[in-house]
Amino acid sequence: LGDAMYPKGSVTSAAQLREAYAQAGEPALRGVPVDGVYDDHDYGLNDGGVGWELKEDARQLFLDEVVGAPADSARRTQRGGLYGSRTLGEPPRQLKVVMLRHTGITAR
């Protein structure tokens, strides 16, 4: 839980986002399934809203660098961001995890 990376200074390009993810690498998590939604820092702009010009770059990089989502993941193109859900376990003992990103979606 928490931010996957904290970019240093202002982020003005996808290359800077990519570099921030590269520097934040989590070697302890390599090979461990990870899922989630980005926090404001992972988005590339602290408290960034829908007008953030790099929001699509941030989505793709988060899915590549943190989640490891496949290229055909619906989360790459769905409207409204990175929300999603995952069902863990087998019937009758299952847990549905719903992942929402409710902040930063206002028109700022």
N, C-alpha and C. Protein backbone atom coordinates (compact mmCIF):
# COMPACT_ATOMS: atom_id res chain seq x y z
N LEU A 1 0.84 -1.18 0.00
CA LEU A 1 0.00 0.00 0.00
C LEU A 1 0.88 1.23 0.00
N GLY A 2 0.44 2.24 -0.70
CA GLY A 2 1.20 3.48 -0.70
C GLY A 2 1.72 3.81 -2.08
N ASP A 3 2.51 4.85 -2.13
CA ASP A 3 3.05 5.30 -3.40
C ASP A 3 4.10 4.34 -3.92
N ALA A 4 4.02 4.03 -5.21
CA ALA A 4 5.04 3.18 -5.83
C ALA A 4 6.30 3.98 -6.13
N MET A 5 6.15 5.29 -6.29
CA MET A 5 7.30 6.16 -6.55
C MET A 5 6.96 7.59 -6.22
N TYR A 6 7.99 8.37 -5.97
CA TYR A 6 7.87 9.81 -5.75
C TYR A 6 8.80 10.49 -6.74
N PRO A 7 8.26 11.13 -7.78
CA PRO A 7 9.14 11.82 -8.71
C PRO A 7 9.81 13.01 -8.03
N LYS A 8 11.04 13.28 -8.43
CA LYS A 8 11.78 14.42 -7.88
C LYS A 8 11.46 15.66 -8.71
N GLY A 9 10.91 16.66 -8.07
CA GLY A 9 10.59 17.90 -8.77
C GLY A 9 9.36 17.77 -9.65
N SER A 10 9.20 18.71 -10.54
CA SER A 10 8.06 18.73 -11.44
C SER A 10 8.24 17.74 -12.57
N VAL A 11 7.21 17.00 -12.88
CA VAL A 11 7.22 16.05 -13.99
C VAL A 11 6.59 16.73 -15.19
N THR A 12 7.35 16.82 -16.28
CA THR A 12 6.85 17.48 -17.48
C THR A 12 6.87 16.59 -18.71
N SER A 13 7.30 15.33 -18.54
CA SER A 13 7.35 14.43 -19.70
C SER A 13 7.18 12.98 -19.27
N ALA A 14 6.77 12.15 -20.23
CA ALA A 14 6.65 10.72 -19.97
C ALA A 14 8.00 10.11 -19.63
N ALA A 15 9.06 10.65 -20.20
CA ALA A 15 10.41 10.14 -19.91
C ALA A 15 10.75 10.35 -18.44
N GLN A 16 10.35 11.47 -17.86
CA GLN A 16 10.60 11.71 -16.43
C GLN A 16 9.79 10.73 -15.57
N LEU A 17 8.56 10.44 -15.97
CA LEU A 17 7.76 9.44 -15.24
C LEU A 17 8.45 8.08 -15.30
N ARG A 18 8.88 7.69 -16.49
CA ARG A 18 9.55 6.40 -16.68
C ARG A 18 10.80 6.31 -15.81
N GLU A 19 11.58 7.38 -15.76
CA GLU A 19 12.79 7.41 -14.95
C GLU A 19 12.46 7.29 -13.46
N ALA A 20 11.41 7.96 -13.02
CA ALA A 20 11.01 7.88 -11.61
C ALA A 20 10.64 6.45 -11.24
N TYR A 21 9.92 5.76 -12.11
CA TYR A 21 9.59 4.36 -11.85
C TYR A 21 10.84 3.49 -11.84
N ALA A 22 11.75 3.76 -12.76
CA ALA A 22 12.99 2.97 -12.83
C ALA A 22 13.81 3.14 -11.56
N GLN A 23 13.87 4.34 -11.04
CA GLN A 23 14.65 4.59 -9.82
C GLN A 23 13.96 4.04 -8.57
N ALA A 24 12.65 3.88 -8.63
CA ALA A 24 11.91 3.43 -7.45
C ALA A 24 11.79 1.91 -7.38
N GLY A 25 12.37 1.20 -8.33
CA GLY A 25 12.23 -0.25 -8.40
C GLY A 25 12.15 -0.94 -7.05
N GLU A 26 11.28 -1.90 -6.94
CA GLU A 26 11.06 -2.64 -5.71
C GLU A 26 11.55 -4.07 -5.89
N PRO A 27 12.86 -4.31 -5.74
CA PRO A 27 13.37 -5.65 -5.99
C PRO A 27 12.76 -6.72 -5.08
N ALA A 28 12.33 -6.34 -3.89
CA ALA A 28 11.73 -7.31 -2.97
C ALA A 28 10.40 -7.84 -3.51
N LEU A 29 9.77 -7.09 -4.41
CA LEU A 29 8.48 -7.50 -4.94
C LEU A 29 8.57 -8.19 -6.29
N ARG A 30 9.74 -8.28 -6.87
CA ARG A 30 9.88 -8.94 -8.17
C ARG A 30 9.39 -10.38 -8.06
N GLY A 31 8.52 -10.77 -8.96
CA GLY A 31 7.99 -12.12 -8.95
C GLY A 31 6.76 -12.31 -8.06
N VAL A 32 6.37 -11.27 -7.33
CA VAL A 32 5.19 -11.33 -6.46
C VAL A 32 4.05 -10.63 -7.17
N PRO A 33 2.87 -11.26 -7.29
CA PRO A 33 1.75 -10.58 -7.94
C PRO A 33 1.38 -9.30 -7.20
N VAL A 34 1.26 -8.20 -7.93
CA VAL A 34 0.90 -6.91 -7.36
C VAL A 34 -0.23 -6.33 -8.20
N ASP A 35 -1.19 -5.73 -7.53
CA ASP A 35 -2.27 -5.05 -8.23
C ASP A 35 -2.64 -3.82 -7.45
N GLY A 36 -3.32 -2.90 -8.06
CA GLY A 36 -3.73 -1.71 -7.36
C GLY A 36 -4.04 -0.58 -8.30
N VAL A 37 -4.20 0.59 -7.71
CA VAL A 37 -4.42 1.82 -8.46
C VAL A 37 -3.38 2.82 -8.02
N TYR A 38 -3.11 3.81 -8.85
CA TYR A 38 -2.08 4.77 -8.50
C TYR A 38 -2.56 5.78 -7.47
N ASP A 39 -1.59 6.28 -6.74
CA ASP A 39 -1.81 7.36 -5.81
C ASP A 39 -1.39 8.63 -6.54
N ASP A 40 -1.58 9.77 -5.92
CA ASP A 40 -1.27 11.02 -6.62
C ASP A 40 0.17 11.11 -7.09
N HIS A 41 1.13 10.60 -6.34
CA HIS A 41 2.52 10.66 -6.76
C HIS A 41 2.79 9.72 -7.94
N ASP A 42 2.17 8.54 -7.94
CA ASP A 42 2.33 7.61 -9.06
C ASP A 42 1.75 8.20 -10.34
N TYR A 43 0.77 9.06 -10.18
CA TYR A 43 0.12 9.73 -11.30
C TYR A 43 1.07 10.73 -11.96
N GLY A 44 2.06 11.20 -11.21
CA GLY A 44 3.06 12.11 -11.76
C GLY A 44 2.86 13.55 -11.37
N LEU A 45 1.70 13.88 -10.86
CA LEU A 45 1.41 15.25 -10.44
C LEU A 45 0.69 15.17 -9.11
N ASN A 46 1.26 15.77 -8.09
CA ASN A 46 0.64 15.72 -6.78
C ASN A 46 -0.76 16.32 -6.86
N ASP A 47 -1.75 15.51 -6.48
CA ASP A 47 -3.16 15.91 -6.52
C ASP A 47 -3.62 16.32 -7.92
N GLY A 48 -3.03 15.73 -8.94
CA GLY A 48 -3.41 16.05 -10.32
C GLY A 48 -4.83 15.62 -10.63
N GLY A 49 -5.49 16.36 -11.50
CA GLY A 49 -6.86 16.07 -11.87
C GLY A 49 -6.99 15.54 -13.29
N VAL A 50 -8.21 15.59 -13.79
CA VAL A 50 -8.48 15.04 -15.12
C VAL A 50 -7.77 15.79 -16.24
N GLY A 51 -7.37 17.03 -15.99
CA GLY A 51 -6.70 17.81 -17.02
C GLY A 51 -5.21 17.54 -17.14
N TRP A 52 -4.66 16.67 -16.30
CA TRP A 52 -3.22 16.37 -16.32
C TRP A 52 -2.85 15.80 -17.67
N GLU A 53 -1.95 16.49 -18.38
CA GLU A 53 -1.61 16.13 -19.75
C GLU A 53 -0.91 14.78 -19.89
N LEU A 54 -0.32 14.28 -18.82
CA LEU A 54 0.39 12.99 -18.88
C LEU A 54 -0.41 11.85 -18.24
N LYS A 55 -1.72 12.04 -18.08
CA LYS A 55 -2.50 11.02 -17.37
C LYS A 55 -2.48 9.67 -18.09
N GLU A 56 -2.53 9.65 -19.40
CA GLU A 56 -2.49 8.36 -20.11
C GLU A 56 -1.11 7.72 -20.02
N ASP A 57 -0.06 8.53 -20.09
CA ASP A 57 1.30 8.01 -19.91
C ASP A 57 1.43 7.41 -18.51
N ALA A 58 0.89 8.13 -17.50
CA ALA A 58 0.95 7.64 -16.12
C ALA A 58 0.22 6.32 -15.97
N ARG A 59 -0.92 6.19 -16.61
CA ARG A 59 -1.69 4.94 -16.54
C ARG A 59 -0.89 3.78 -17.12
N GLN A 60 -0.37 3.98 -18.33
CA GLN A 60 0.37 2.90 -19.00
C GLN A 60 1.63 2.51 -18.22
N LEU A 61 2.35 3.51 -17.71
CA LEU A 61 3.57 3.21 -16.95
C LEU A 61 3.25 2.49 -15.65
N PHE A 62 2.19 2.89 -14.95
CA PHE A 62 1.81 2.20 -13.72
C PHE A 62 1.46 0.74 -14.02
N LEU A 63 0.70 0.53 -15.09
CA LEU A 63 0.32 -0.84 -15.44
C LEU A 63 1.54 -1.66 -15.87
N ASP A 64 2.49 -1.03 -16.53
CA ASP A 64 3.72 -1.72 -16.95
C ASP A 64 4.65 -1.98 -15.76
N GLU A 65 4.97 -0.94 -15.02
CA GLU A 65 6.03 -0.99 -14.02
C GLU A 65 5.60 -1.53 -12.66
N VAL A 66 4.36 -1.34 -12.27
CA VAL A 66 3.91 -1.77 -10.95
C VAL A 66 3.07 -3.03 -11.04
N VAL A 67 2.06 -3.01 -11.87
CA VAL A 67 1.12 -4.13 -11.95
C VAL A 67 1.61 -5.24 -12.86
N GLY A 68 2.33 -4.88 -13.93
CA GLY A 68 2.74 -5.88 -14.91
C GLY A 68 1.55 -6.40 -15.70
N ALA A 69 0.63 -5.51 -16.01
CA ALA A 69 -0.59 -5.89 -16.73
C ALA A 69 -0.28 -6.26 -18.17
N PRO A 70 -1.01 -7.23 -18.71
CA PRO A 70 -0.80 -7.59 -20.11
C PRO A 70 -1.19 -6.45 -21.05
N ALA A 71 -0.66 -6.48 -22.25
CA ALA A 71 -0.92 -5.43 -23.23
C ALA A 71 -2.40 -5.30 -23.57
N ASP A 72 -3.16 -6.38 -23.45
CA ASP A 72 -4.59 -6.33 -23.80
C ASP A 72 -5.50 -6.13 -22.58
N SER A 73 -4.93 -5.73 -21.45
CA SER A 73 -5.73 -5.48 -20.25
C SER A 73 -6.76 -4.39 -20.50
N ALA A 74 -7.99 -4.63 -20.11
CA ALA A 74 -9.05 -3.63 -20.26
C ALA A 74 -8.73 -2.36 -19.48
N ARG A 75 -7.93 -2.48 -18.44
CA ARG A 75 -7.57 -1.31 -17.62
C ARG A 75 -6.72 -0.31 -18.40
N ARG A 76 -6.13 -0.73 -19.51
CA ARG A 76 -5.31 0.18 -20.32
C ARG A 76 -6.15 1.18 -21.10
N THR A 77 -7.40 0.85 -21.39
CA THR A 77 -8.21 1.71 -22.24
C THR A 77 -9.57 2.09 -21.65
N GLN A 78 -9.94 1.52 -20.51
CA GLN A 78 -11.26 1.82 -19.96
C GLN A 78 -11.38 3.29 -19.57
N ARG A 79 -12.58 3.81 -19.68
CA ARG A 79 -12.83 5.21 -19.30
C ARG A 79 -12.74 5.34 -17.79
N GLY A 80 -12.26 6.48 -17.34
CA GLY A 80 -12.30 6.78 -15.92
C GLY A 80 -11.09 6.37 -15.12
N GLY A 81 -10.07 5.80 -15.74
CA GLY A 81 -8.84 5.52 -15.00
C GLY A 81 -8.57 4.07 -14.70
N LEU A 82 -7.88 3.85 -13.59
CA LEU A 82 -7.32 2.52 -13.27
C LEU A 82 -8.17 1.65 -12.37
N TYR A 83 -9.39 2.00 -12.11
CA TYR A 83 -10.21 1.19 -11.22
C TYR A 83 -10.25 -0.25 -11.71
N GLY A 84 -10.59 -1.15 -10.84
CA GLY A 84 -10.69 -2.55 -11.23
C GLY A 84 -11.09 -3.40 -10.04
N SER A 85 -11.21 -4.68 -10.27
CA SER A 85 -11.52 -5.61 -9.19
C SER A 85 -10.84 -6.93 -9.47
N ARG A 86 -10.69 -7.69 -8.42
CA ARG A 86 -10.08 -9.01 -8.52
C ARG A 86 -10.74 -9.91 -7.50
N THR A 87 -11.07 -11.12 -7.91
CA THR A 87 -11.64 -12.10 -7.00
C THR A 87 -10.55 -13.09 -6.61
N LEU A 88 -10.36 -13.23 -5.32
CA LEU A 88 -9.34 -14.13 -4.79
C LEU A 88 -10.00 -15.34 -4.16
N GLY A 89 -9.37 -16.49 -4.29
CA GLY A 89 -9.89 -17.70 -3.68
C GLY A 89 -10.82 -18.47 -4.58
N GLU A 90 -11.32 -19.57 -4.06
CA GLU A 90 -12.23 -20.45 -4.79
C GLU A 90 -13.54 -20.55 -4.03
N PRO A 91 -14.67 -20.74 -4.77
CA PRO A 91 -15.95 -20.89 -4.08
C PRO A 91 -15.88 -22.08 -3.12
N PRO A 92 -16.49 -22.02 -2.01
CA PRO A 92 -17.36 -20.95 -1.51
C PRO A 92 -16.60 -19.89 -0.72
N ARG A 93 -15.28 -19.95 -0.69
CA ARG A 93 -14.49 -18.99 0.09
C ARG A 93 -13.76 -18.04 -0.85
N GLN A 94 -14.45 -16.98 -1.17
CA GLN A 94 -13.88 -15.99 -2.08
C GLN A 94 -13.93 -14.61 -1.46
N LEU A 95 -13.02 -13.78 -1.93
CA LEU A 95 -12.96 -12.39 -1.51
C LEU A 95 -12.83 -11.54 -2.76
N LYS A 96 -13.70 -10.58 -2.91
CA LYS A 96 -13.62 -9.66 -4.05
C LYS A 96 -12.98 -8.37 -3.56
N VAL A 97 -11.87 -8.00 -4.19
CA VAL A 97 -11.17 -6.76 -3.86
C VAL A 97 -11.52 -5.75 -4.95
N VAL A 98 -12.09 -4.63 -4.55
CA VAL A 98 -12.47 -3.57 -5.48
C VAL A 98 -11.47 -2.44 -5.30
N MET A 99 -10.85 -2.04 -6.39
CA MET A 99 -9.81 -1.01 -6.35
C MET A 99 -10.34 0.25 -7.02
N LEU A 100 -10.47 1.30 -6.23
CA LEU A 100 -11.00 2.57 -6.73
C LEU A 100 -9.96 3.66 -6.57
N ARG A 101 -10.02 4.61 -7.43
CA ARG A 101 -9.18 5.81 -7.32
C ARG A 101 -10.14 6.97 -7.34
N HIS A 102 -10.52 7.46 -6.17
CA HIS A 102 -11.55 8.49 -6.12
C HIS A 102 -11.00 9.90 -6.02
N THR A 103 -9.73 10.08 -5.68
CA THR A 103 -9.19 11.43 -5.59
C THR A 103 -8.48 11.79 -6.87
N GLY A 104 -8.37 13.05 -7.15
CA GLY A 104 -7.65 13.50 -8.34
C GLY A 104 -8.45 13.38 -9.61
N ILE A 105 -9.75 13.06 -9.51
CA ILE A 105 -10.55 12.93 -10.72
C ILE A 105 -11.42 14.15 -10.93
N THR A 106 -11.23 15.15 -10.12
CA THR A 106 -12.00 16.37 -10.27
C THR A 106 -11.36 17.23 -11.36
N ALA A 107 -12.13 18.12 -11.88
CA ALA A 107 -11.60 19.02 -12.91
C ALA A 107 -10.79 20.11 -12.24
N ARG A 108 -9.48 19.95 -12.22
CA ARG A 108 -8.61 20.95 -11.60
C ARG A 108 -7.87 21.69 -12.67
